[in-house]
PDB file of N, CA and C in Angstrom:
ATOM      1  N   UNK A   1      16.907 -14.065  -9.764  1.00  0.00           N
ATOM      2  CA  UNK A   1      16.825 -15.323 -10.506  1.00  0.00           C
ATOM      3  C   UNK A   1      17.353 -15.078 -11.924  1.00  0.00           C
ATOM      4  N   UNK A   2      18.059 -16.054 -12.424  1.00  0.00           N
ATOM      5  CA  UNK A   2      18.543 -15.958 -13.792  1.00  0.00           C
ATOM      6  C   UNK A   2      18.188 -17.227 -14.542  1.00  0.00           C
ATOM      7  N   UNK A   3      18.184 -17.142 -15.862  1.00  0.00           N
ATOM      8  CA  UNK A   3      17.881 -18.307 -16.674  1.00  0.00           C
ATOM      9  C   UNK A   3      19.175 -19.006 -17.053  1.00  0.00           C
ATOM     10  N   UNK A   4      19.184 -20.324 -16.892  1.00  0.00           N
ATOM     11  CA  UNK A   4      20.324 -21.150 -17.253  1.00  0.00           C
ATOM     12  C   UNK A   4      19.914 -22.095 -18.369  1.00  0.00           C
ATOM     13  N   UNK A   5      20.865 -22.436 -19.221  1.00  0.00           N
ATOM     14  CA  UNK A   5      20.630 -23.412 -20.276  1.00  0.00           C
ATOM     15  C   UNK A   5      21.652 -24.527 -20.140  1.00  0.00           C
ATOM     16  N   UNK A   6      21.294 -25.685 -20.645  1.00  0.00           N
ATOM     17  CA  UNK A   6      22.204 -26.803 -20.585  1.00  0.00           C
ATOM     18  C   UNK A   6      21.848 -27.846 -21.618  1.00  0.00           C
ATOM     19  N   UNK A   7      22.697 -28.856 -21.697  1.00  0.00           N
ATOM     20  CA  UNK A   7      22.457 -29.940 -22.653  1.00  0.00           C
ATOM     21  C   UNK A   7      23.275 -31.162 -22.259  1.00  0.00           C
ATOM     22  N   UNK A   8      22.925 -32.272 -22.883  1.00  0.00           N
ATOM     23  CA  UNK A   8      23.770 -33.461 -22.782  1.00  0.00           C
ATOM     24  C   UNK A   8      24.985 -33.216 -23.681  1.00  0.00           C
ATOM     25  N   UNK A   9      25.869 -34.173 -23.813  1.00  0.00           N
ATOM     26  CA  UNK A   9      27.098 -33.978 -24.599  1.00  0.00           C
ATOM     27  C   UNK A   9      26.815 -33.802 -26.085  1.00  0.00           C
ATOM     28  N   UNK A  10      25.910 -34.606 -26.646  1.00  0.00           N
ATOM     29  CA  UNK A  10      25.649 -34.547 -28.088  1.00  0.00           C
ATOM     30  C   UNK A  10      24.624 -33.485 -28.469  1.00  0.00           C
ATOM     31  N   UNK A  11      23.938 -32.902 -27.488  1.00  0.00           N
ATOM     32  CA  UNK A  11      22.959 -31.852 -27.759  1.00  0.00           C
ATOM     33  C   UNK A  11      21.566 -32.349 -28.084  1.00  0.00           C
ATOM     34  N   UNK A  12      21.341 -33.657 -28.038  1.00  0.00           N
ATOM     35  CA  UNK A  12      20.004 -34.189 -28.323  1.00  0.00           C
ATOM     36  C   UNK A  12      19.011 -33.832 -27.217  1.00  0.00           C
ATOM     37  N   UNK A  13      19.511 -33.581 -26.006  1.00  0.00           N
ATOM     38  CA  UNK A  13      18.680 -33.121 -24.899  1.00  0.00           C
ATOM     39  C   UNK A  13      19.169 -31.732 -24.511  1.00  0.00           C
ATOM     40  N   UNK A  14      18.257 -30.771 -24.562  1.00  0.00           N
ATOM     41  CA  UNK A  14      18.559 -29.401 -24.157  1.00  0.00           C
ATOM     42  C   UNK A  14      17.528 -29.005 -23.114  1.00  0.00           C
ATOM     43  N   UNK A  15      17.929 -28.114 -22.203  1.00  0.00           N
ATOM     44  CA  UNK A  15      16.989 -27.708 -21.161  1.00  0.00           C
ATOM     45  C   UNK A  15      17.304 -26.298 -20.686  1.00  0.00           C
ATOM     46  N   UNK A  16      16.304 -25.659 -20.096  1.00  0.00           N
ATOM     47  CA  UNK A  16      16.452 -24.343 -19.469  1.00  0.00           C
ATOM     48  C   UNK A  16      15.724 -24.368 -18.130  1.00  0.00           C
ATOM     49  N   UNK A  17      16.218 -23.552 -17.205  1.00  0.00           N
ATOM     50  CA  UNK A  17      15.563 -23.409 -15.908  1.00  0.00           C
ATOM     51  C   UNK A  17      15.978 -22.069 -15.312  1.00  0.00           C
ATOM     52  N   UNK A  18      15.212 -21.618 -14.327  1.00  0.00           N
ATOM     53  CA  UNK A  18      15.518 -20.386 -13.623  1.00  0.00           C
ATOM     54  C   UNK A  18      15.941 -20.733 -12.201  1.00  0.00           C
ATOM     55  N   UNK A  19      16.995 -20.055 -11.749  1.00  0.00           N
ATOM     56  CA  UNK A  19      17.498 -20.287 -10.384  1.00  0.00           C
ATOM     57  C   UNK A  19      18.334 -19.097  -9.955  1.00  0.00           C
ATOM     58  N   UNK A  20      18.603 -19.047  -8.673  1.00  0.00           N
ATOM     59  CA  UNK A  20      19.537 -18.047  -8.146  1.00  0.00           C
ATOM     60  C   UNK A  20      20.932 -18.414  -8.639  1.00  0.00           C
ATOM     61  N   UNK A  21      21.881 -17.552  -8.399  1.00  0.00           N
ATOM     62  CA  UNK A  21      23.262 -17.826  -8.808  1.00  0.00           C
ATOM     63  C   UNK A  21      23.700 -19.188  -8.288  1.00  0.00           C
ATOM     64  N   UNK A  22      24.420 -19.926  -9.111  1.00  0.00           N
ATOM     65  CA  UNK A  22      24.884 -21.252  -8.730  1.00  0.00           C
ATOM     66  C   UNK A  22      26.268 -21.106  -8.101  1.00  0.00           C
ATOM     67  N   UNK A  23      26.339 -21.315  -6.785  1.00  0.00           N
ATOM     68  CA  UNK A  23      27.606 -21.113  -6.081  1.00  0.00           C
ATOM     69  C   UNK A  23      28.068 -22.334  -5.295  1.00  0.00           C
ATOM     70  N   UNK A  24      27.297 -23.429  -5.354  1.00  0.00           N
ATOM     71  CA  UNK A  24      27.693 -24.677  -4.701  1.00  0.00           C
ATOM     72  C   UNK A  24      26.923 -25.825  -5.327  1.00  0.00           C
ATOM     73  N   UNK A  25      27.363 -27.028  -5.022  1.00  0.00           N
ATOM     74  CA  UNK A  25      26.725 -28.212  -5.564  1.00  0.00           C
ATOM     75  C   UNK A  25      26.452 -29.234  -4.487  1.00  0.00           C
ATOM     76  N   UNK A  26      26.007 -30.390  -4.926  1.00  0.00           N
ATOM     77  CA  UNK A  26      25.665 -31.486  -4.032  1.00  0.00           C
ATOM     78  C   UNK A  26      26.123 -32.796  -4.659  1.00  0.00           C
ATOM     79  N   UNK A  27      26.751 -33.609  -3.871  1.00  0.00           N
ATOM     80  CA  UNK A  27      27.095 -34.970  -4.301  1.00  0.00           C
ATOM     81  C   UNK A  27      26.350 -35.927  -3.390  1.00  0.00           C
ATOM     82  N   UNK A  28      26.046 -37.091  -3.908  1.00  0.00           N
ATOM     83  CA  UNK A  28      25.356 -38.124  -3.149  1.00  0.00           C
ATOM     84  C   UNK A  28      26.232 -39.372  -3.172  1.00  0.00           C
ATOM     85  N   UNK A  29      26.220 -40.128  -2.077  1.00  0.00           N
ATOM     86  CA  UNK A  29      27.051 -41.322  -2.007  1.00  0.00           C
ATOM     87  C   UNK A  29      26.276 -42.616  -2.237  1.00  0.00           C
ATOM     88  N   UNK A  30      25.048 -42.526  -2.779  1.00  0.00           N
ATOM     89  CA  UNK A  30      24.311 -43.751  -3.084  1.00  0.00           C
ATOM     90  C   UNK A  30      25.012 -44.486  -4.228  1.00  0.00           C
ATOM     91  N   UNK A  31      24.595 -45.698  -4.510  1.00  0.00           N
ATOM     92  CA  UNK A  31      25.305 -46.537  -5.477  1.00  0.00           C
ATOM     93  C   UNK A  31      25.328 -45.943  -6.885  1.00  0.00           C
ATOM     94  N   UNK A  32      24.266 -45.335  -7.343  1.00  0.00           N
ATOM     95  CA  UNK A  32      24.272 -44.783  -8.705  1.00  0.00           C
ATOM     96  C   UNK A  32      25.018 -43.448  -8.762  1.00  0.00           C
ATOM     97  N   UNK A  33      24.828 -42.605  -7.776  1.00  0.00           N
ATOM     98  CA  UNK A  33      25.498 -41.294  -7.795  1.00  0.00           C
ATOM     99  C   UNK A  33      27.018 -41.433  -7.658  1.00  0.00           C
ATOM    100  N   UNK A  34      27.465 -42.392  -6.837  1.00  0.00           N
ATOM    101  CA  UNK A  34      28.912 -42.633  -6.744  1.00  0.00           C
ATOM    102  C   UNK A  34      29.473 -42.994  -8.110  1.00  0.00           C
ATOM    103  N   UNK A  35      28.754 -43.805  -8.848  1.00  0.00           N
ATOM    104  CA  UNK A  35      29.225 -44.244 -10.155  1.00  0.00           C
ATOM    105  C   UNK A  35      29.137 -43.139 -11.201  1.00  0.00           C
ATOM    106  N   UNK A  36      28.099 -42.304 -11.131  1.00  0.00           N
ATOM    107  CA  UNK A  36      27.967 -41.189 -12.082  1.00  0.00           C
ATOM    108  C   UNK A  36      29.033 -40.133 -11.833  1.00  0.00           C
ATOM    109  N   UNK A  37      29.285 -39.842 -10.571  1.00  0.00           N
ATOM    110  CA  UNK A  37      30.287 -38.852 -10.213  1.00  0.00           C
ATOM    111  C   UNK A  37      29.923 -37.425 -10.570  1.00  0.00           C
ATOM    112  N   UNK A  38      28.673 -37.162 -10.859  1.00  0.00           N
ATOM    113  CA  UNK A  38      28.247 -35.822 -11.269  1.00  0.00           C
ATOM    114  C   UNK A  38      28.042 -34.913 -10.061  1.00  0.00           C
ATOM    115  N   UNK A  39      28.254 -33.634 -10.264  1.00  0.00           N
ATOM    116  CA  UNK A  39      27.925 -32.631  -9.255  1.00  0.00           C
ATOM    117  C   UNK A  39      26.529 -32.123  -9.566  1.00  0.00           C
ATOM    118  N   UNK A  40      25.609 -32.351  -8.648  1.00  0.00           N
ATOM    119  CA  UNK A  40      24.215 -31.960  -8.845  1.00  0.00           C
ATOM    120  C   UNK A  40      23.958 -30.597  -8.222  1.00  0.00           C
ATOM    121  N   UNK A  41      22.877 -29.988  -8.647  1.00  0.00           N
ATOM    122  CA  UNK A  41      22.474 -28.714  -8.050  1.00  0.00           C
ATOM    123  C   UNK A  41      22.112 -28.943  -6.592  1.00  0.00           C
ATOM    124  N   UNK A  42      22.496 -27.997  -5.746  1.00  0.00           N
ATOM    125  CA  UNK A  42      22.141 -28.060  -4.331  1.00  0.00           C
ATOM    126  C   UNK A  42      20.666 -27.718  -4.144  1.00  0.00           C
ATOM    127  N   UNK A  43      20.084 -27.064  -5.102  1.00  0.00           N
ATOM    128  CA  UNK A  43      18.671 -26.677  -5.089  1.00  0.00           C
ATOM    129  C   UNK A  43      17.889 -27.634  -5.984  1.00  0.00           C
ATOM    130  N   UNK A  44      16.569 -27.647  -5.822  1.00  0.00           N
ATOM    131  CA  UNK A  44      15.717 -28.412  -6.719  1.00  0.00           C
ATOM    132  C   UNK A  44      14.956 -27.452  -7.617  1.00  0.00           C
ATOM    133  N   UNK A  45      14.519 -27.966  -8.757  1.00  0.00           N
ATOM    134  CA  UNK A  45      13.756 -27.193  -9.727  1.00  0.00           C
ATOM    135  C   UNK A  45      12.410 -27.887  -9.905  1.00  0.00           C
ATOM    136  N   UNK A  46      11.325 -27.148  -9.734  1.00  0.00           N
ATOM    137  CA  UNK A  46       9.989 -27.707  -9.927  1.00  0.00           C
ATOM    138  C   UNK A  46       9.802 -28.084 -11.393  1.00  0.00           C
ATOM    139  N   UNK A  47       9.028 -29.122 -11.639  1.00  0.00           N
ATOM    140  CA  UNK A  47       8.811 -29.610 -13.004  1.00  0.00           C
ATOM    141  C   UNK A  47       8.340 -28.505 -13.942  1.00  0.00           C
ATOM    142  N   UNK A  48       7.486 -27.622 -13.449  1.00  0.00           N
ATOM    143  CA  UNK A  48       6.967 -26.551 -14.310  1.00  0.00           C
ATOM    144  C   UNK A  48       8.013 -25.472 -14.601  1.00  0.00           C
ATOM    145  N   UNK A  49       9.111 -25.484 -13.878  1.00  0.00           N
ATOM    146  CA  UNK A  49      10.178 -24.503 -14.073  1.00  0.00           C
ATOM    147  C   UNK A  49      11.361 -25.048 -14.880  1.00  0.00           C
ATOM    148  N   UNK A  50      11.222 -26.265 -15.378  1.00  0.00           N
ATOM    149  CA  UNK A  50      12.267 -26.882 -16.193  1.00  0.00           C
ATOM    150  C   UNK A  50      11.694 -27.188 -17.564  1.00  0.00           C
ATOM    151  N   UNK A  51      12.235 -26.540 -18.587  1.00  0.00           N
ATOM    152  CA  UNK A  51      11.804 -26.797 -19.963  1.00  0.00           C
ATOM    153  C   UNK A  51      12.799 -27.762 -20.596  1.00  0.00           C
ATOM    154  N   UNK A  52      12.294 -28.905 -21.056  1.00  0.00           N
ATOM    155  CA  UNK A  52      13.139 -29.945 -21.637  1.00  0.00           C
ATOM    156  C   UNK A  52      12.788 -30.120 -23.104  1.00  0.00           C
ATOM    157  N   UNK A  53      13.809 -30.125 -23.948  1.00  0.00           N
ATOM    158  CA  UNK A  53      13.646 -30.384 -25.377  1.00  0.00           C
ATOM    159  C   UNK A  53      14.521 -31.581 -25.715  1.00  0.00           C
ATOM    160  N   UNK A  54      13.888 -32.725 -25.959  1.00  0.00           N
ATOM    161  CA  UNK A  54      14.623 -33.953 -26.273  1.00  0.00           C
ATOM    162  C   UNK A  54      14.291 -34.387 -27.696  1.00  0.00           C
ATOM    163  N   UNK A  55      15.284 -34.349 -28.566  1.00  0.00           N
ATOM    164  CA  UNK A  55      15.104 -34.716 -29.971  1.00  0.00           C
ATOM    165  C   UNK A  55      15.182 -36.233 -30.153  1.00  0.00           C
ATOM    166  N   UNK A  56      14.465 -36.713 -31.126  1.00  0.00           N
ATOM    167  CA  UNK A  56      14.565 -38.106 -31.562  1.00  0.00           C
ATOM    168  C   UNK A  56      14.466 -39.124 -30.431  1.00  0.00           C
ATOM    169  N   UNK A  57      13.535 -38.914 -29.528  1.00  0.00           N
ATOM    170  CA  UNK A  57      13.323 -39.859 -28.438  1.00  0.00           C
ATOM    171  C   UNK A  57      14.608 -40.124 -27.645  1.00  0.00           C
ATOM    172  N   UNK A  58      15.423 -39.086 -27.450  1.00  0.00           N
ATOM    173  CA  UNK A  58      16.732 -39.237 -26.814  1.00  0.00           C
ATOM    174  C   UNK A  58      16.671 -39.451 -25.309  1.00  0.00           C
ATOM    175  N   UNK A  59      15.616 -38.986 -24.659  1.00  0.00           N
ATOM    176  CA  UNK A  59      15.545 -39.038 -23.200  1.00  0.00           C
ATOM    177  C   UNK A  59      15.115 -40.429 -22.724  1.00  0.00           C
ATOM    178  N   UNK A  60      15.962 -41.040 -21.921  1.00  0.00           N
ATOM    179  CA  UNK A  60      15.655 -42.340 -21.318  1.00  0.00           C
ATOM    180  C   UNK A  60      15.693 -42.181 -19.806  1.00  0.00           C
ATOM    181  N   UNK A  61      15.083 -43.126 -19.106  1.00  0.00           N
ATOM    182  CA  UNK A  61      14.992 -43.047 -17.653  1.00  0.00           C
ATOM    183  C   UNK A  61      15.384 -44.376 -17.027  1.00  0.00           C
ATOM    184  N   UNK A  62      16.132 -44.281 -15.935  1.00  0.00           N
ATOM    185  CA  UNK A  62      16.546 -45.465 -15.185  1.00  0.00           C
ATOM    186  C   UNK A  62      16.001 -45.360 -13.763  1.00  0.00           C
ATOM    187  N   UNK A  63      15.414 -46.457 -13.274  1.00  0.00           N
ATOM    188  CA  UNK A  63      14.908 -46.551 -11.895  1.00  0.00           C
ATOM    189  C   UNK A  63      15.615 -47.710 -11.203  1.00  0.00           C
ATOM    190  N   UNK A  64      15.819 -47.587  -9.917  1.00  0.00           N
ATOM    191  CA  UNK A  64      16.340 -48.708  -9.129  1.00  0.00           C
ATOM    192  C   UNK A  64      15.852 -48.555  -7.703  1.00  0.00           C
ATOM    193  N   UNK A  65      16.096 -49.543  -6.886  1.00  0.00           N
ATOM    194  CA  UNK A  65      15.702 -49.472  -5.474  1.00  0.00           C
ATOM    195  C   UNK A  65      14.210 -49.239  -5.328  1.00  0.00           C
ATOM    196  N   UNK A  66      13.845 -48.149  -4.677  1.00  0.00           N
ATOM    197  CA  UNK A  66      12.433 -47.839  -4.434  1.00  0.00           C
ATOM    198  C   UNK A  66      11.712 -47.411  -5.709  1.00  0.00           C
ATOM    199  N   UNK A  67      12.467 -47.016  -6.739  1.00  0.00           N
ATOM    200  CA  UNK A  67      11.865 -46.564  -7.991  1.00  0.00           C
ATOM    201  C   UNK A  67      11.319 -45.147  -7.922  1.00  0.00           C
ATOM    202  N   UNK A  68      11.508 -44.477  -6.787  1.00  0.00           N
ATOM    203  CA  UNK A  68      10.974 -43.122  -6.630  1.00  0.00           C
ATOM    204  C   UNK A  68      11.783 -42.078  -7.385  1.00  0.00           C
ATOM    205  N   UNK A  69      13.088 -42.250  -7.447  1.00  0.00           N
ATOM    206  CA  UNK A  69      13.930 -41.312  -8.200  1.00  0.00           C
ATOM    207  C   UNK A  69      13.926 -41.726  -9.675  1.00  0.00           C
ATOM    208  N   UNK A  70      13.906 -40.741 -10.548  1.00  0.00           N
ATOM    209  CA  UNK A  70      13.912 -40.980 -11.988  1.00  0.00           C
ATOM    210  C   UNK A  70      15.206 -40.394 -12.539  1.00  0.00           C
ATOM    211  N   UNK A  71      16.153 -41.248 -12.860  1.00  0.00           N
ATOM    212  CA  UNK A  71      17.459 -40.819 -13.357  1.00  0.00           C
ATOM    213  C   UNK A  71      17.393 -40.758 -14.886  1.00  0.00           C
ATOM    214  N   UNK A  72      17.437 -39.552 -15.429  1.00  0.00           N
ATOM    215  CA  UNK A  72      17.293 -39.358 -16.873  1.00  0.00           C
ATOM    216  C   UNK A  72      18.664 -39.268 -17.535  1.00  0.00           C
ATOM    217  N   UNK A  73      18.761 -39.828 -18.724  1.00  0.00           N
ATOM    218  CA  UNK A  73      20.015 -39.798 -19.468  1.00  0.00           C
ATOM    219  C   UNK A  73      19.727 -39.795 -20.961  1.00  0.00           C
ATOM    220  N   UNK A  74      20.731 -39.448 -21.740  1.00  0.00           N
ATOM    221  CA  UNK A  74      20.603 -39.411 -23.192  1.00  0.00           C
ATOM    222  C   UNK A  74      20.909 -40.790 -23.775  1.00  0.00           C
ATOM    223  N   UNK A  75      20.012 -41.306 -24.605  1.00  0.00           N
ATOM    224  CA  UNK A  75      20.207 -42.610 -25.254  1.00  0.00           C
ATOM    225  C   UNK A  75      21.365 -42.587 -26.241  1.00  0.00           C
ATOM    226  N   UNK A  76      21.737 -41.403 -26.703  1.00  0.00           N
ATOM    227  CA  UNK A  76      22.776 -41.304 -27.733  1.00  0.00           C
ATOM    228  C   UNK A  76      24.178 -41.169 -27.150  1.00  0.00           C
ATOM    229  N   UNK A  77      24.364 -40.242 -26.209  1.00  0.00           N
ATOM    230  CA  UNK A  77      25.712 -40.010 -25.669  1.00  0.00           C
ATOM    231  C   UNK A  77      25.890 -40.546 -24.249  1.00  0.00           C
ATOM    232  N   UNK A  78      24.802 -40.919 -23.574  1.00  0.00           N
ATOM    233  CA  UNK A  78      24.879 -41.513 -22.245  1.00  0.00           C
ATOM    234  C   UNK A  78      24.955 -40.539 -21.090  1.00  0.00           C
ATOM    235  N   UNK A  79      24.984 -39.237 -21.378  1.00  0.00           N
ATOM    236  CA  UNK A  79      25.126 -38.245 -20.309  1.00  0.00           C
ATOM    237  C   UNK A  79      23.823 -38.081 -19.524  1.00  0.00           C
ATOM    238  N   UNK A  80      23.995 -37.926 -18.204  1.00  0.00           N
ATOM    239  CA  UNK A  80      22.887 -37.693 -17.275  1.00  0.00           C
ATOM    240  C   UNK A  80      22.755 -36.185 -17.048  1.00  0.00           C
ATOM    241  N   UNK A  81      21.726 -35.520 -17.599  1.00  0.00           N
ATOM    242  CA  UNK A  81      21.600 -34.075 -17.403  1.00  0.00           C
ATOM    243  C   UNK A  81      20.807 -33.667 -16.149  1.00  0.00           C
ATOM    244  N   UNK A  82      19.924 -34.539 -15.668  1.00  0.00           N
ATOM    245  CA  UNK A  82      19.086 -34.210 -14.505  1.00  0.00           C
ATOM    246  C   UNK A  82      18.374 -35.466 -14.022  1.00  0.00           C
ATOM    247  N   UNK A  83      17.820 -35.373 -12.809  1.00  0.00           N
ATOM    248  CA  UNK A  83      16.990 -36.463 -12.291  1.00  0.00           C
ATOM    249  C   UNK A  83      15.858 -35.890 -11.447  1.00  0.00           C
ATOM    250  N   UNK A  84      14.776 -36.651 -11.367  1.00  0.00           N
ATOM    251  CA  UNK A  84      13.674 -36.310 -10.478  1.00  0.00           C
ATOM    252  C   UNK A  84      14.020 -36.919  -9.124  1.00  0.00           C
ATOM    253  N   UNK A  85      13.911 -36.120  -8.095  1.00  0.00           N
ATOM    254  CA  UNK A  85      14.406 -36.539  -6.789  1.00  0.00           C
ATOM    255  C   UNK A  85      13.483 -37.504  -6.062  1.00  0.00           C
ATOM    256  N   UNK A  86      14.081 -38.285  -5.192  1.00  0.00           N
ATOM    257  CA  UNK A  86      13.338 -39.192  -4.335  1.00  0.00           C
ATOM    258  C   UNK A  86      12.763 -38.420  -3.149  1.00  0.00           C
ATOM    259  N   UNK A  87      13.547 -37.488  -2.622  1.00  0.00           N
ATOM    260  CA  UNK A  87      13.127 -36.742  -1.426  1.00  0.00           C
ATOM    261  C   UNK A  87      12.055 -35.709  -1.715  1.00  0.00           C
ATOM    262  N   UNK A  88      11.995 -35.214  -2.949  1.00  0.00           N
ATOM    263  CA  UNK A  88      11.008 -34.186  -3.294  1.00  0.00           C
ATOM    264  C   UNK A  88      10.411 -34.518  -4.660  1.00  0.00           C
ATOM    265  N   UNK A  89       9.483 -35.478  -4.717  1.00  0.00           N
ATOM    266  CA  UNK A  89       8.900 -35.892  -5.988  1.00  0.00           C
ATOM    267  C   UNK A  89       8.346 -34.705  -6.781  1.00  0.00           C
ATOM    268  N   UNK A  90       8.508 -34.785  -8.103  1.00  0.00           N
ATOM    269  CA  UNK A  90       8.044 -33.703  -8.971  1.00  0.00           C
ATOM    270  C   UNK A  90       9.058 -32.587  -9.120  1.00  0.00           C
ATOM    271  N   UNK A  91      10.214 -32.724  -8.481  1.00  0.00           N
ATOM    272  CA  UNK A  91      11.285 -31.732  -8.560  1.00  0.00           C
ATOM    273  C   UNK A  91      12.554 -32.397  -9.086  1.00  0.00           C
ATOM    274  N   UNK A  92      13.387 -31.594  -9.693  1.00  0.00           N
ATOM    275  CA  UNK A  92      14.602 -32.084 -10.333  1.00  0.00           C
ATOM    276  C   UNK A  92      15.851 -31.507  -9.682  1.00  0.00           C
ATOM    277  N   UNK A  93      16.927 -32.260  -9.758  1.00  0.00           N
ATOM    278  CA  UNK A  93      18.268 -31.756  -9.512  1.00  0.00           C
ATOM    279  C   UNK A  93      18.969 -31.805 -10.863  1.00  0.00           C
ATOM    280  N   UNK A  94      19.785 -30.817 -11.104  1.00  0.00           N
ATOM    281  CA  UNK A  94      20.447 -30.642 -12.397  1.00  0.00           C
ATOM    282  C   UNK A  94      21.904 -31.059 -12.290  1.00  0.00           C
ATOM    283  N   UNK A  95      22.420 -31.750 -13.293  1.00  0.00           N
ATOM    284  CA  UNK A  95      23.846 -32.056 -13.372  1.00  0.00           C
ATOM    285  C   UNK A  95      24.541 -30.758 -13.768  1.00  0.00           C
ATOM    286  N   UNK A  96      25.262 -30.141 -12.847  1.00  0.00           N
ATOM    287  CA  UNK A  96      25.863 -28.834 -13.093  1.00  0.00           C
ATOM    288  C   UNK A  96      26.941 -28.876 -14.170  1.00  0.00           C
ATOM    289  N   UNK A  97      27.491 -30.042 -14.452  1.00  0.00           N
ATOM    290  CA  UNK A  97      28.446 -30.184 -15.540  1.00  0.00           C
ATOM    291  C   UNK A  97      27.807 -30.006 -16.906  1.00  0.00           C
ATOM    292  N   UNK A  98      26.482 -30.050 -16.970  1.00  0.00           N
ATOM    293  CA  UNK A  98      25.742 -29.877 -18.224  1.00  0.00           C
ATOM    294  C   UNK A  98      25.253 -28.445 -18.424  1.00  0.00           C
ATOM    295  N   UNK A  99      25.459 -27.579 -17.452  1.00  0.00           N
ATOM    296  CA  UNK A  99      24.940 -26.208 -17.502  1.00  0.00           C
ATOM    297  C   UNK A  99      25.989 -25.279 -18.105  1.00  0.00           C
ATOM    298  N   UNK A 100      25.585 -24.556 -19.134  1.00  0.00           N
ATOM    299  CA  UNK A 100      26.491 -23.623 -19.812  1.00  0.00           C
ATOM    300  C   UNK A 100      26.929 -22.515 -18.861  1.00  0.00           C
ATOM    301  N   UNK A 101      28.225 -22.219 -18.874  1.00  0.00           N
ATOM    302  CA  UNK A 101      28.759 -21.126 -18.071  1.00  0.00           C
ATOM    303  C   UNK A 101      29.035 -21.473 -16.620  1.00  0.00           C
ATOM    304  N   UNK A 102      28.841 -22.724 -16.220  1.00  0.00           N
ATOM    305  CA  UNK A 102      29.092 -23.147 -14.843  1.00  0.00           C
ATOM    306  C   UNK A 102      30.292 -24.086 -14.847  1.00  0.00           C
ATOM    307  N   UNK A 103      31.304 -23.776 -14.034  1.00  0.00           N
ATOM    308  CA  UNK A 103      32.469 -24.641 -13.905  1.00  0.00           C
ATOM    309  C   UNK A 103      32.232 -25.560 -12.710  1.00  0.00           C
ATOM    310  N   UNK A 104      31.657 -26.720 -12.969  1.00  0.00           N
ATOM    311  CA  UNK A 104      31.286 -27.631 -11.887  1.00  0.00           C
ATOM    312  C   UNK A 104      32.505 -28.169 -11.129  1.00  0.00           C
ATOM    313  N   UNK A 105      33.660 -28.126 -11.740  1.00  0.00           N
ATOM    314  CA  UNK A 105      34.881 -28.606 -11.071  1.00  0.00           C
ATOM    315  C   UNK A 105      35.403 -27.609 -10.040  1.00  0.00           C
ATOM    316  N   UNK A 106      34.953 -26.362 -10.108  1.00  0.00           N
ATOM    317  CA  UNK A 106      35.451 -25.320  -9.205  1.00  0.00           C
ATOM    318  C   UNK A 106      34.499 -25.027  -8.042  1.00  0.00           C
ATOM    319  N   UNK A 107      33.338 -25.653  -8.028  1.00  0.00           N
ATOM    320  CA  UNK A 107      32.339 -25.346  -7.003  1.00  0.00           C
ATOM    321  C   UNK A 107      32.531 -26.182  -5.739  1.00  0.00           C
ATOM    322  N   UNK A 108      32.348 -25.564  -4.573  1.00  0.00           N
ATOM    323  CA  UNK A 108      32.321 -26.353  -3.344  1.00  0.00           C
ATOM    324  C   UNK A 108      31.041 -27.185  -3.323  1.00  0.00           C
ATOM    325  N   UNK A 109      31.029 -28.251  -2.535  1.00  0.00           N
ATOM    326  CA  UNK A 109      29.834 -29.095  -2.489  1.00  0.00           C
ATOM    327  C   UNK A 109      29.669 -29.746  -1.128  1.00  0.00           C
ATOM    328  N   UNK A 110      28.432 -30.124  -0.851  1.00  0.00           N
ATOM    329  CA  UNK A 110      28.089 -30.907   0.320  1.00  0.00           C
ATOM    330  C   UNK A 110      27.848 -32.338  -0.143  1.00  0.00           C
ATOM    331  N   UNK A 111      27.908 -33.290   0.780  1.00  0.00           N
ATOM    332  CA  UNK A 111      27.639 -34.680   0.440  1.00  0.00           C
ATOM    333  C   UNK A 111      26.369 -35.112   1.173  1.00  0.00           C
ATOM    334  N   UNK A 112      25.438 -35.659   0.400  1.00  0.00           N
ATOM    335  CA  UNK A 112      24.192 -36.212   0.962  1.00  0.00           C
ATOM    336  C   UNK A 112      24.388 -37.709   1.154  1.00  0.00           C
ATOM    337  N   UNK A 113      24.015 -38.230   2.292  1.00  0.00           N
ATOM    338  CA  UNK A 113      24.198 -39.642   2.598  1.00  0.00           C
ATOM    339  C   UNK A 113      23.033 -40.480   2.075  1.00  0.00           C
ATOM    340  N   UNK A 114      22.990 -40.647   0.773  1.00  0.00           N
ATOM    341  CA  UNK A 114      21.945 -41.466   0.158  1.00  0.00           C
ATOM    342  C   UNK A 114      22.194 -42.957   0.330  1.00  0.00           C
ATOM    343  N   UNK A 115      23.416 -43.338   0.654  1.00  0.00           N
ATOM    344  CA  UNK A 115      23.750 -44.756   0.840  1.00  0.00           C
ATOM    345  C   UNK A 115      23.068 -45.334   2.078  1.00  0.00           C
ATOM    346  N   UNK A 116      22.705 -44.498   3.024  1.00  0.00           N
ATOM    347  CA  UNK A 116      22.104 -44.981   4.265  1.00  0.00           C
ATOM    348  C   UNK A 116      20.587 -45.067   4.213  1.00  0.00           C
ATOM    349  N   UNK A 117      19.998 -44.725   3.082  1.00  0.00           N
ATOM    350  CA  UNK A 117      18.525 -44.787   2.984  1.00  0.00           C
ATOM    351  C   UNK A 117      18.028 -46.176   2.756  1.00  0.00           C
TER     352      UNK A 117
END
């Protein structure tokens, strides 16, 4: 396991988590994920394993549909750094484009069929 750090674009939201090497990602075809276009972590991170530092009330949350997923974003720059999952409440998927040292454009990925839920 290694420690990873990340942030939104403006740096108002910073976070750290521990995970195995990041060698693949996950995309979802639901209505919000298609529009975000972000590559998410294929793994989930338990809430206690994700340290979030959000300055100046920067962290905002968007809910839709069932309201079970919590899509977090920065109020200042609009970037989505992570979300709490619908399939595994209390756990997060990380936007790999926000993680330092990870080239999210070079990673292979699987597609989750969230549009059919």
